[in-house]
Amino acid sequence: MAAGLNFETLVARFYVSLYQFAFSLTRKEADACDLVQQTFYIWASKGHQLRDPSKVKTWLFTTLHREFLETRRKQTRFPHHELSQVEGDLPAISPPSINQLDSTQVLQSLAQIDKLFQAPLSLFYLEDCSYKEIAGILEVPLGTVKSRIARGMVQLQQALTNKAASVDRLKKEPRE
């Protein structure tokens, strides 16, 4: 830890002002508490790298703000919705049918979507490439990658929904 900076002393000295700053950003008590806790966690992990102890306050506030921005980016990319709010958007497929979809069926469905969307989807979901990496690999603009993934997901979801629905129909048909 930076010379002369005791963790407990830092928490006692800066907790209230960090919390107030976090609350002004989030407008939610729980989120503000989480941000402050994450900031002190990062300090515990990386605070020893701070060379000038007089800049600890700036370091803490900058770290909290960066964490806030990162949290917002994640919320934008992976929004949280209550299930009751999006029931109409969900496909009408029974859970057992979804459980029977295996990776082979997903890959078969991926092969059914437009060729233009297959590579970005595969790179993003199967190879864990970032949008930027995919743009470089495919030599297309970043916005093109994002739109191809979004459109490809719609097609893939439809293909999987159709496959699961056909499995449901086969199960319900009377056997002779």
N, C-alpha and C. Protein backbone atom coordinates (compact mmCIF):
# COMPACT_ATOMS: atom_id res chain seq x y z
N MET A 1 0.85 -1.17 0.00
CA MET A 1 0.00 0.00 0.00
C MET A 1 0.89 1.23 0.00
N ALA A 2 0.42 2.33 -0.58
CA ALA A 2 1.21 3.55 -0.64
C ALA A 2 1.63 3.95 0.78
N ALA A 3 2.82 4.48 0.87
CA ALA A 3 3.41 4.80 2.18
C ALA A 3 2.45 5.62 3.06
N GLY A 4 2.23 5.14 4.27
CA GLY A 4 1.45 5.88 5.25
C GLY A 4 -0.05 5.87 5.03
N LEU A 5 -0.56 5.08 4.10
CA LEU A 5 -2.00 5.07 3.83
C LEU A 5 -2.60 3.77 4.35
N ASN A 6 -3.20 3.85 5.51
CA ASN A 6 -3.83 2.72 6.15
C ASN A 6 -5.24 2.55 5.58
N PHE A 7 -5.62 1.32 5.27
CA PHE A 7 -6.92 1.05 4.63
C PHE A 7 -8.07 1.57 5.49
N GLU A 8 -8.07 1.24 6.76
CA GLU A 8 -9.17 1.67 7.64
C GLU A 8 -9.26 3.19 7.72
N THR A 9 -8.11 3.85 7.74
CA THR A 9 -8.09 5.31 7.79
C THR A 9 -8.69 5.89 6.51
N LEU A 10 -8.34 5.30 5.37
CA LEU A 10 -8.90 5.76 4.09
C LEU A 10 -10.41 5.61 4.06
N VAL A 11 -10.89 4.47 4.52
CA VAL A 11 -12.34 4.24 4.52
C VAL A 11 -13.02 5.27 5.43
N ALA A 12 -12.49 5.46 6.61
CA ALA A 12 -13.09 6.42 7.54
C ALA A 12 -13.06 7.84 6.96
N ARG A 13 -12.00 8.16 6.28
CA ARG A 13 -11.82 9.52 5.77
C ARG A 13 -12.66 9.81 4.52
N PHE A 14 -12.80 8.82 3.62
CA PHE A 14 -13.40 9.10 2.31
C PHE A 14 -14.73 8.41 2.04
N TYR A 15 -15.17 7.52 2.93
CA TYR A 15 -16.39 6.77 2.64
C TYR A 15 -17.58 7.68 2.37
N VAL A 16 -17.83 8.63 3.25
CA VAL A 16 -19.03 9.47 3.13
C VAL A 16 -19.00 10.27 1.83
N SER A 17 -17.87 10.89 1.52
CA SER A 17 -17.81 11.71 0.29
C SER A 17 -17.89 10.83 -0.96
N LEU A 18 -17.29 9.65 -0.93
CA LEU A 18 -17.41 8.73 -2.07
C LEU A 18 -18.85 8.26 -2.23
N TYR A 19 -19.49 7.95 -1.11
CA TYR A 19 -20.89 7.52 -1.17
C TYR A 19 -21.77 8.63 -1.76
N GLN A 20 -21.58 9.85 -1.31
CA GLN A 20 -22.38 10.96 -1.82
C GLN A 20 -22.17 11.14 -3.32
N PHE A 21 -20.93 11.01 -3.76
CA PHE A 21 -20.64 11.11 -5.19
C PHE A 21 -21.31 9.97 -5.95
N ALA A 22 -21.18 8.77 -5.42
CA ALA A 22 -21.79 7.60 -6.06
C ALA A 22 -23.31 7.73 -6.12
N PHE A 23 -23.91 8.21 -5.05
CA PHE A 23 -25.36 8.38 -5.02
C PHE A 23 -25.80 9.45 -6.03
N SER A 24 -25.00 10.49 -6.19
CA SER A 24 -25.35 11.52 -7.19
C SER A 24 -25.30 10.95 -8.60
N LEU A 25 -24.49 9.94 -8.81
CA LEU A 25 -24.39 9.31 -10.13
C LEU A 25 -25.51 8.29 -10.35
N THR A 26 -25.76 7.46 -9.34
CA THR A 26 -26.69 6.33 -9.52
C THR A 26 -28.12 6.62 -9.11
N ARG A 27 -28.31 7.50 -8.15
CA ARG A 27 -29.63 7.83 -7.59
C ARG A 27 -30.28 6.65 -6.87
N LYS A 28 -29.47 5.63 -6.56
CA LYS A 28 -29.98 4.46 -5.83
C LYS A 28 -29.00 4.12 -4.72
N GLU A 29 -29.53 3.95 -3.53
CA GLU A 29 -28.70 3.69 -2.36
C GLU A 29 -27.86 2.41 -2.53
N ALA A 30 -28.50 1.34 -2.95
CA ALA A 30 -27.79 0.06 -3.08
C ALA A 30 -26.68 0.15 -4.12
N ASP A 31 -26.97 0.79 -5.25
CA ASP A 31 -25.96 0.93 -6.30
C ASP A 31 -24.80 1.80 -5.84
N ALA A 32 -25.11 2.85 -5.09
CA ALA A 32 -24.06 3.73 -4.57
C ALA A 32 -23.17 2.96 -3.59
N CYS A 33 -23.78 2.17 -2.73
CA CYS A 33 -23.00 1.36 -1.78
C CYS A 33 -22.11 0.37 -2.52
N ASP A 34 -22.65 -0.27 -3.55
CA ASP A 34 -21.87 -1.21 -4.35
C ASP A 34 -20.67 -0.53 -5.01
N LEU A 35 -20.89 0.66 -5.54
CA LEU A 35 -19.80 1.40 -6.19
C LEU A 35 -18.69 1.74 -5.20
N VAL A 36 -19.07 2.21 -4.03
CA VAL A 36 -18.08 2.56 -3.02
C VAL A 36 -17.32 1.32 -2.58
N GLN A 37 -18.04 0.23 -2.37
CA GLN A 37 -17.39 -1.02 -1.97
C GLN A 37 -16.42 -1.48 -3.05
N GLN A 38 -16.83 -1.40 -4.31
CA GLN A 38 -15.96 -1.81 -5.41
C GLN A 38 -14.72 -0.91 -5.48
N THR A 39 -14.90 0.37 -5.23
CA THR A 39 -13.78 1.30 -5.25
C THR A 39 -12.75 0.93 -4.19
N PHE A 40 -13.22 0.64 -2.97
CA PHE A 40 -12.28 0.26 -1.91
C PHE A 40 -11.67 -1.12 -2.18
N TYR A 41 -12.40 -1.98 -2.82
CA TYR A 41 -11.84 -3.29 -3.21
C TYR A 41 -10.68 -3.09 -4.19
N ILE A 42 -10.89 -2.22 -5.17
CA ILE A 42 -9.84 -1.94 -6.14
C ILE A 42 -8.65 -1.29 -5.44
N TRP A 43 -8.94 -0.39 -4.47
CA TRP A 43 -7.84 0.21 -3.72
C TRP A 43 -7.04 -0.88 -3.00
N ALA A 44 -7.73 -1.82 -2.38
CA ALA A 44 -7.05 -2.89 -1.65
C ALA A 44 -6.18 -3.72 -2.59
N SER A 45 -6.61 -3.85 -3.83
CA SER A 45 -5.86 -4.64 -4.81
C SER A 45 -4.74 -3.85 -5.47
N LYS A 46 -4.99 -2.58 -5.77
CA LYS A 46 -4.06 -1.82 -6.60
C LYS A 46 -3.52 -0.55 -5.95
N GLY A 47 -3.99 -0.21 -4.77
CA GLY A 47 -3.60 1.04 -4.14
C GLY A 47 -2.11 1.16 -3.90
N HIS A 48 -1.44 0.03 -3.74
CA HIS A 48 0.01 0.05 -3.51
C HIS A 48 0.78 0.67 -4.68
N GLN A 49 0.13 0.76 -5.84
CA GLN A 49 0.79 1.32 -7.02
C GLN A 49 0.83 2.85 -7.00
N LEU A 50 0.03 3.46 -6.16
CA LEU A 50 -0.01 4.91 -6.09
C LEU A 50 1.29 5.43 -5.46
N ARG A 51 2.01 6.24 -6.21
CA ARG A 51 3.32 6.71 -5.76
C ARG A 51 3.22 7.98 -4.89
N ASP A 52 2.22 8.81 -5.18
CA ASP A 52 2.07 10.07 -4.46
C ASP A 52 0.85 10.01 -3.55
N PRO A 53 1.06 9.81 -2.23
CA PRO A 53 -0.06 9.68 -1.29
C PRO A 53 -0.99 10.90 -1.27
N SER A 54 -0.52 12.04 -1.71
CA SER A 54 -1.37 13.24 -1.71
C SER A 54 -2.46 13.15 -2.77
N LYS A 55 -2.35 12.19 -3.67
CA LYS A 55 -3.34 12.04 -4.76
C LYS A 55 -4.33 10.91 -4.50
N VAL A 56 -4.38 10.40 -3.30
CA VAL A 56 -5.26 9.29 -2.99
C VAL A 56 -6.73 9.65 -3.20
N LYS A 57 -7.14 10.85 -2.82
CA LYS A 57 -8.53 11.26 -2.99
C LYS A 57 -8.89 11.27 -4.47
N THR A 58 -8.04 11.86 -5.29
CA THR A 58 -8.28 11.89 -6.74
C THR A 58 -8.36 10.48 -7.30
N TRP A 59 -7.45 9.61 -6.84
CA TRP A 59 -7.42 8.23 -7.32
C TRP A 59 -8.73 7.53 -6.98
N LEU A 60 -9.20 7.69 -5.75
CA LEU A 60 -10.43 7.02 -5.33
C LEU A 60 -11.64 7.52 -6.13
N PHE A 61 -11.76 8.84 -6.29
CA PHE A 61 -12.90 9.38 -7.03
C PHE A 61 -12.85 9.00 -8.51
N THR A 62 -11.67 9.01 -9.08
CA THR A 62 -11.52 8.61 -10.49
C THR A 62 -11.88 7.14 -10.66
N THR A 63 -11.43 6.31 -9.73
CA THR A 63 -11.74 4.88 -9.79
C THR A 63 -13.24 4.64 -9.67
N LEU A 64 -13.88 5.34 -8.74
CA LEU A 64 -15.33 5.20 -8.57
C LEU A 64 -16.05 5.60 -9.85
N HIS A 65 -15.64 6.70 -10.45
CA HIS A 65 -16.30 7.17 -11.67
C HIS A 65 -16.11 6.18 -12.82
N ARG A 66 -14.92 5.63 -12.93
CA ARG A 66 -14.66 4.63 -13.98
C ARG A 66 -15.52 3.38 -13.78
N GLU A 67 -15.65 2.96 -12.55
CA GLU A 67 -16.49 1.80 -12.24
C GLU A 67 -17.95 2.09 -12.58
N PHE A 68 -18.40 3.29 -12.28
CA PHE A 68 -19.76 3.70 -12.62
C PHE A 68 -19.98 3.61 -14.13
N LEU A 69 -19.03 4.16 -14.90
CA LEU A 69 -19.15 4.13 -16.37
C LEU A 69 -19.14 2.70 -16.90
N GLU A 70 -18.28 1.87 -16.33
CA GLU A 70 -18.21 0.47 -16.75
C GLU A 70 -19.52 -0.26 -16.45
N THR A 71 -20.09 0.02 -15.29
CA THR A 71 -21.37 -0.58 -14.92
C THR A 71 -22.46 -0.16 -15.90
N ARG A 72 -22.48 1.10 -16.27
CA ARG A 72 -23.46 1.59 -17.24
C ARG A 72 -23.29 0.92 -18.59
N ARG A 73 -22.05 0.76 -19.03
CA ARG A 73 -21.82 0.08 -20.31
C ARG A 73 -22.36 -1.35 -20.26
N LYS A 74 -22.12 -2.03 -19.17
CA LYS A 74 -22.62 -3.40 -19.03
C LYS A 74 -24.15 -3.44 -19.01
N GLN A 75 -24.76 -2.47 -18.33
CA GLN A 75 -26.22 -2.42 -18.27
C GLN A 75 -26.81 -2.14 -19.65
N THR A 76 -26.11 -1.35 -20.44
CA THR A 76 -26.58 -1.04 -21.78
C THR A 76 -26.46 -2.28 -22.68
N ARG A 77 -25.33 -2.95 -22.54
CA ARG A 77 -25.09 -4.13 -23.38
C ARG A 77 -25.94 -5.32 -22.95
N PHE A 78 -26.12 -5.48 -21.66
CA PHE A 78 -26.88 -6.60 -21.12
C PHE A 78 -27.98 -6.07 -20.20
N PRO A 79 -29.03 -5.49 -20.77
CA PRO A 79 -30.06 -4.89 -19.91
C PRO A 79 -30.80 -5.94 -19.09
N HIS A 80 -31.22 -5.53 -17.91
CA HIS A 80 -31.99 -6.41 -17.02
C HIS A 80 -33.46 -6.04 -17.15
N HIS A 81 -34.29 -7.02 -17.41
CA HIS A 81 -35.73 -6.81 -17.50
C HIS A 81 -36.43 -7.81 -16.60
N GLU A 82 -37.48 -7.36 -15.96
CA GLU A 82 -38.31 -8.29 -15.20
C GLU A 82 -39.02 -9.19 -16.20
N LEU A 83 -39.10 -10.45 -15.89
CA LEU A 83 -39.70 -11.41 -16.80
C LEU A 83 -41.14 -11.03 -17.15
N SER A 84 -41.86 -10.52 -16.18
CA SER A 84 -43.26 -10.15 -16.43
C SER A 84 -43.38 -9.01 -17.45
N GLN A 85 -42.34 -8.20 -17.60
CA GLN A 85 -42.38 -7.08 -18.53
C GLN A 85 -42.12 -7.51 -19.98
N VAL A 86 -41.47 -8.65 -20.18
CA VAL A 86 -41.10 -9.06 -21.53
C VAL A 86 -41.71 -10.39 -21.95
N GLU A 87 -42.74 -10.83 -21.24
CA GLU A 87 -43.35 -12.13 -21.57
C GLU A 87 -43.83 -12.19 -23.02
N GLY A 88 -44.35 -11.08 -23.53
CA GLY A 88 -44.84 -11.06 -24.90
C GLY A 88 -43.74 -11.21 -25.93
N ASP A 89 -42.50 -10.90 -25.56
CA ASP A 89 -41.37 -11.00 -26.48
C ASP A 89 -40.75 -12.38 -26.51
N LEU A 90 -41.13 -13.22 -25.54
CA LEU A 90 -40.53 -14.54 -25.45
C LEU A 90 -41.25 -15.52 -26.37
N PRO A 91 -40.51 -16.46 -26.96
CA PRO A 91 -41.15 -17.46 -27.82
C PRO A 91 -42.00 -18.40 -26.98
N ALA A 92 -43.07 -18.88 -27.57
CA ALA A 92 -43.99 -19.78 -26.87
C ALA A 92 -43.52 -21.22 -27.05
N ILE A 93 -42.50 -21.58 -26.32
CA ILE A 93 -41.93 -22.92 -26.40
C ILE A 93 -41.85 -23.47 -24.99
N SER A 94 -42.16 -24.72 -24.87
CA SER A 94 -42.13 -25.33 -23.53
C SER A 94 -40.67 -25.51 -23.08
N PRO A 95 -40.42 -25.34 -21.79
CA PRO A 95 -39.05 -25.51 -21.27
C PRO A 95 -38.43 -26.88 -21.60
N PRO A 96 -39.20 -27.96 -21.56
CA PRO A 96 -38.57 -29.24 -21.93
C PRO A 96 -38.04 -29.24 -23.37
N SER A 97 -38.72 -28.54 -24.26
CA SER A 97 -38.25 -28.48 -25.65
C SER A 97 -36.93 -27.74 -25.74
N ILE A 98 -36.82 -26.66 -25.00
CA ILE A 98 -35.57 -25.90 -24.99
C ILE A 98 -34.44 -26.76 -24.44
N ASN A 99 -34.73 -27.53 -23.41
CA ASN A 99 -33.70 -28.38 -22.81
C ASN A 99 -33.22 -29.45 -23.78
N GLN A 100 -34.07 -29.83 -24.72
CA GLN A 100 -33.68 -30.86 -25.67
C GLN A 100 -32.85 -30.32 -26.83
N LEU A 101 -32.81 -28.97 -26.97
CA LEU A 101 -31.96 -28.39 -28.00
C LEU A 101 -30.51 -28.55 -27.54
N ASP A 102 -29.72 -29.23 -28.31
CA ASP A 102 -28.33 -29.38 -27.93
C ASP A 102 -27.45 -28.55 -28.87
N SER A 103 -26.17 -28.60 -28.63
CA SER A 103 -25.25 -27.77 -29.42
C SER A 103 -25.31 -28.14 -30.90
N THR A 104 -25.55 -29.38 -31.21
CA THR A 104 -25.64 -29.79 -32.62
C THR A 104 -26.80 -29.08 -33.30
N GLN A 105 -27.94 -29.02 -32.61
CA GLN A 105 -29.11 -28.35 -33.18
C GLN A 105 -28.86 -26.84 -33.32
N VAL A 106 -28.17 -26.26 -32.35
CA VAL A 106 -27.87 -24.83 -32.43
C VAL A 106 -26.96 -24.58 -33.63
N LEU A 107 -25.95 -25.42 -33.80
CA LEU A 107 -25.04 -25.25 -34.94
C LEU A 107 -25.77 -25.48 -36.27
N GLN A 108 -26.70 -26.44 -36.29
CA GLN A 108 -27.50 -26.66 -37.50
C GLN A 108 -28.36 -25.44 -37.79
N SER A 109 -28.93 -24.85 -36.77
CA SER A 109 -29.74 -23.65 -36.95
C SER A 109 -28.87 -22.48 -37.39
N LEU A 110 -27.67 -22.39 -36.87
CA LEU A 110 -26.74 -21.34 -37.29
C LEU A 110 -26.42 -21.47 -38.77
N ALA A 111 -26.32 -22.71 -39.25
CA ALA A 111 -26.03 -22.94 -40.66
C ALA A 111 -27.21 -22.54 -41.55
N GLN A 112 -28.40 -22.41 -40.99
CA GLN A 112 -29.59 -22.05 -41.77
C GLN A 112 -29.76 -20.55 -41.96
N ILE A 113 -29.07 -19.75 -41.17
CA ILE A 113 -29.26 -18.30 -41.30
C ILE A 113 -28.40 -17.77 -42.45
N ASP A 114 -28.68 -16.55 -42.87
CA ASP A 114 -27.94 -15.94 -43.98
C ASP A 114 -26.44 -16.01 -43.73
N LYS A 115 -25.69 -16.34 -44.77
CA LYS A 115 -24.23 -16.47 -44.67
C LYS A 115 -23.59 -15.19 -44.13
N LEU A 116 -24.16 -14.06 -44.47
CA LEU A 116 -23.63 -12.76 -44.05
C LEU A 116 -23.56 -12.64 -42.54
N PHE A 117 -24.47 -13.32 -41.83
CA PHE A 117 -24.55 -13.19 -40.38
C PHE A 117 -23.86 -14.32 -39.62
N GLN A 118 -23.52 -15.40 -40.31
CA GLN A 118 -22.95 -16.56 -39.64
C GLN A 118 -21.58 -16.27 -39.01
N ALA A 119 -20.70 -15.64 -39.76
CA ALA A 119 -19.34 -15.40 -39.24
C ALA A 119 -19.35 -14.48 -38.03
N PRO A 120 -20.04 -13.32 -38.08
CA PRO A 120 -20.03 -12.48 -36.88
C PRO A 120 -20.63 -13.17 -35.65
N LEU A 121 -21.71 -13.93 -35.85
CA LEU A 121 -22.33 -14.64 -34.72
C LEU A 121 -21.38 -15.70 -34.16
N SER A 122 -20.76 -16.45 -35.03
CA SER A 122 -19.84 -17.49 -34.58
C SER A 122 -18.65 -16.90 -33.84
N LEU A 123 -18.08 -15.83 -34.38
CA LEU A 123 -16.93 -15.21 -33.73
C LEU A 123 -17.31 -14.63 -32.37
N PHE A 124 -18.50 -14.03 -32.29
CA PHE A 124 -18.92 -13.38 -31.05
C PHE A 124 -19.30 -14.40 -29.98
N TYR A 125 -20.17 -15.35 -30.33
CA TYR A 125 -20.70 -16.27 -29.33
C TYR A 125 -19.88 -17.54 -29.13
N LEU A 126 -19.25 -18.02 -30.17
CA LEU A 126 -18.51 -19.27 -30.03
C LEU A 126 -17.03 -19.04 -29.74
N GLU A 127 -16.48 -17.95 -30.26
CA GLU A 127 -15.05 -17.67 -30.08
C GLU A 127 -14.78 -16.54 -29.09
N ASP A 128 -15.83 -15.92 -28.55
CA ASP A 128 -15.71 -14.84 -27.57
C ASP A 128 -14.86 -13.66 -28.07
N CYS A 129 -14.98 -13.35 -29.34
CA CYS A 129 -14.28 -12.19 -29.90
C CYS A 129 -15.08 -10.92 -29.60
N SER A 130 -14.38 -9.82 -29.41
CA SER A 130 -15.05 -8.53 -29.20
C SER A 130 -15.52 -8.00 -30.55
N TYR A 131 -16.40 -7.00 -30.50
CA TYR A 131 -16.85 -6.37 -31.74
C TYR A 131 -15.67 -5.85 -32.55
N LYS A 132 -14.74 -5.23 -31.85
CA LYS A 132 -13.57 -4.64 -32.52
C LYS A 132 -12.73 -5.73 -33.19
N GLU A 133 -12.54 -6.85 -32.49
CA GLU A 133 -11.78 -7.96 -33.07
C GLU A 133 -12.49 -8.51 -34.30
N ILE A 134 -13.80 -8.64 -34.21
CA ILE A 134 -14.58 -9.16 -35.35
C ILE A 134 -14.47 -8.22 -36.53
N ALA A 135 -14.56 -6.92 -36.27
CA ALA A 135 -14.43 -5.92 -37.34
C ALA A 135 -13.09 -6.07 -38.04
N GLY A 136 -12.04 -6.30 -37.28
CA GLY A 136 -10.71 -6.49 -37.87
C GLY A 136 -10.62 -7.78 -38.66
N ILE A 137 -11.15 -8.85 -38.13
CA ILE A 137 -11.09 -10.15 -38.80
C ILE A 137 -11.87 -10.12 -40.11
N LEU A 138 -13.08 -9.54 -40.07
CA LEU A 138 -13.94 -9.53 -41.25
C LEU A 138 -13.69 -8.33 -42.16
N GLU A 139 -12.86 -7.40 -41.66
CA GLU A 139 -12.54 -6.19 -42.41
C GLU A 139 -13.79 -5.41 -42.80
N VAL A 140 -14.64 -5.17 -41.79
CA VAL A 140 -15.85 -4.37 -41.96
C VAL A 140 -15.90 -3.37 -40.81
N PRO A 141 -16.67 -2.28 -40.95
CA PRO A 141 -16.78 -1.31 -39.86
C PRO A 141 -17.44 -1.91 -38.62
N LEU A 142 -17.14 -1.31 -37.47
CA LEU A 142 -17.68 -1.76 -36.19
C LEU A 142 -19.20 -1.77 -36.17
N GLY A 143 -19.83 -0.73 -36.73
CA GLY A 143 -21.29 -0.66 -36.77
C GLY A 143 -21.89 -1.79 -37.59
N THR A 144 -21.20 -2.19 -38.63
CA THR A 144 -21.66 -3.30 -39.47
C THR A 144 -21.64 -4.60 -38.66
N VAL A 145 -20.59 -4.78 -37.88
CA VAL A 145 -20.50 -5.98 -37.04
C VAL A 145 -21.68 -6.03 -36.07
N LYS A 146 -21.95 -4.91 -35.41
CA LYS A 146 -23.04 -4.87 -34.44
C LYS A 146 -24.39 -5.17 -35.09
N SER A 147 -24.64 -4.58 -36.24
CA SER A 147 -25.93 -4.80 -36.90
C SER A 147 -26.05 -6.24 -37.42
N ARG A 148 -24.95 -6.79 -37.91
CA ARG A 148 -25.00 -8.18 -38.40
C ARG A 148 -25.24 -9.16 -37.25
N ILE A 149 -24.64 -8.89 -36.11
CA ILE A 149 -24.88 -9.77 -34.96
C ILE A 149 -26.34 -9.65 -34.52
N ALA A 150 -26.86 -8.44 -34.46
CA ALA A 150 -28.25 -8.25 -34.03
C ALA A 150 -29.22 -8.92 -35.01
N ARG A 151 -29.01 -8.71 -36.30
CA ARG A 151 -29.90 -9.33 -37.29
C ARG A 151 -29.74 -10.84 -37.33
N GLY A 152 -28.51 -11.30 -37.18
CA GLY A 152 -28.26 -12.73 -37.15
C GLY A 152 -28.91 -13.40 -35.96
N MET A 153 -28.91 -12.71 -34.83
CA MET A 153 -29.55 -13.27 -33.63
C MET A 153 -31.05 -13.43 -33.84
N VAL A 154 -31.66 -12.47 -34.51
CA VAL A 154 -33.10 -12.58 -34.79
C VAL A 154 -33.36 -13.81 -35.64
N GLN A 155 -32.55 -14.00 -36.69
CA GLN A 155 -32.73 -15.17 -37.55
C GLN A 155 -32.45 -16.47 -36.79
N LEU A 156 -31.40 -16.47 -35.98
CA LEU A 156 -31.07 -17.68 -35.22
C LEU A 156 -32.17 -18.01 -34.21
N GLN A 157 -32.70 -16.99 -33.57
CA GLN A 157 -33.79 -17.22 -32.61
C GLN A 157 -35.00 -17.80 -33.33
N GLN A 158 -35.31 -17.28 -34.51
CA GLN A 158 -36.45 -17.81 -35.27
C GLN A 158 -36.20 -19.26 -35.67
N ALA A 159 -34.98 -19.56 -36.11
CA ALA A 159 -34.66 -20.93 -36.51
C ALA A 159 -34.77 -21.89 -35.32
N LEU A 160 -34.27 -21.46 -34.16
CA LEU A 160 -34.34 -22.31 -32.97
C LEU A 160 -35.78 -22.45 -32.49
N THR A 161 -36.55 -21.37 -32.58
CA THR A 161 -37.96 -21.41 -32.18
C THR A 161 -38.71 -22.40 -33.08
N ASN A 162 -38.46 -22.34 -34.38
CA ASN A 162 -39.11 -23.26 -35.32
C ASN A 162 -38.71 -24.70 -35.03
N LYS A 163 -37.44 -24.92 -34.73
CA LYS A 163 -36.95 -26.27 -34.44
C LYS A 163 -37.61 -26.81 -33.16
N ALA A 164 -37.66 -25.98 -32.12
CA ALA A 164 -38.27 -26.41 -30.86
C ALA A 164 -39.77 -26.63 -31.02
N ALA A 165 -40.43 -25.78 -31.80
CA ALA A 165 -41.86 -25.93 -32.04
C ALA A 165 -42.13 -27.24 -32.78
N SER A 166 -41.27 -27.60 -33.72
CA SER A 166 -41.48 -28.85 -34.46
C SER A 166 -41.27 -30.05 -33.54
N VAL A 167 -40.36 -29.94 -32.59
CA VAL A 167 -40.16 -31.01 -31.61
C VAL A 167 -41.41 -31.15 -30.76
N ASP A 168 -41.98 -30.01 -30.33
CA ASP A 168 -43.23 -30.04 -29.55
C ASP A 168 -44.35 -30.71 -30.34
N ARG A 169 -44.49 -30.36 -31.63
CA ARG A 169 -45.55 -30.92 -32.47
C ARG A 169 -45.39 -32.43 -32.60
N LEU A 170 -44.15 -32.89 -32.80
CA LEU A 170 -43.91 -34.33 -32.94
C LEU A 170 -44.30 -35.09 -31.69
N LYS A 171 -44.06 -34.50 -30.54
CA LYS A 171 -44.41 -35.14 -29.28
C LYS A 171 -45.93 -35.23 -29.08
N LYS A 172 -46.64 -34.26 -29.61
CA LYS A 172 -48.09 -34.21 -29.38
C LYS A 172 -48.88 -35.05 -30.39
N GLU A 173 -48.23 -35.38 -31.51
CA GLU A 173 -48.94 -36.16 -32.53
C GLU A 173 -49.17 -37.56 -32.00
N PRO A 174 -50.36 -38.11 -32.25
CA PRO A 174 -50.64 -39.48 -31.78
C PRO A 174 -49.82 -40.49 -32.58
N ARG A 175 -49.31 -41.47 -31.89
CA ARG A 175 -48.53 -42.53 -32.55
C ARG A 175 -49.43 -43.67 -32.91
N GLU A 176 -49.15 -44.27 -34.03
CA GLU A 176 -50.00 -45.38 -34.50
C GLU A 176 -49.38 -46.70 -34.21
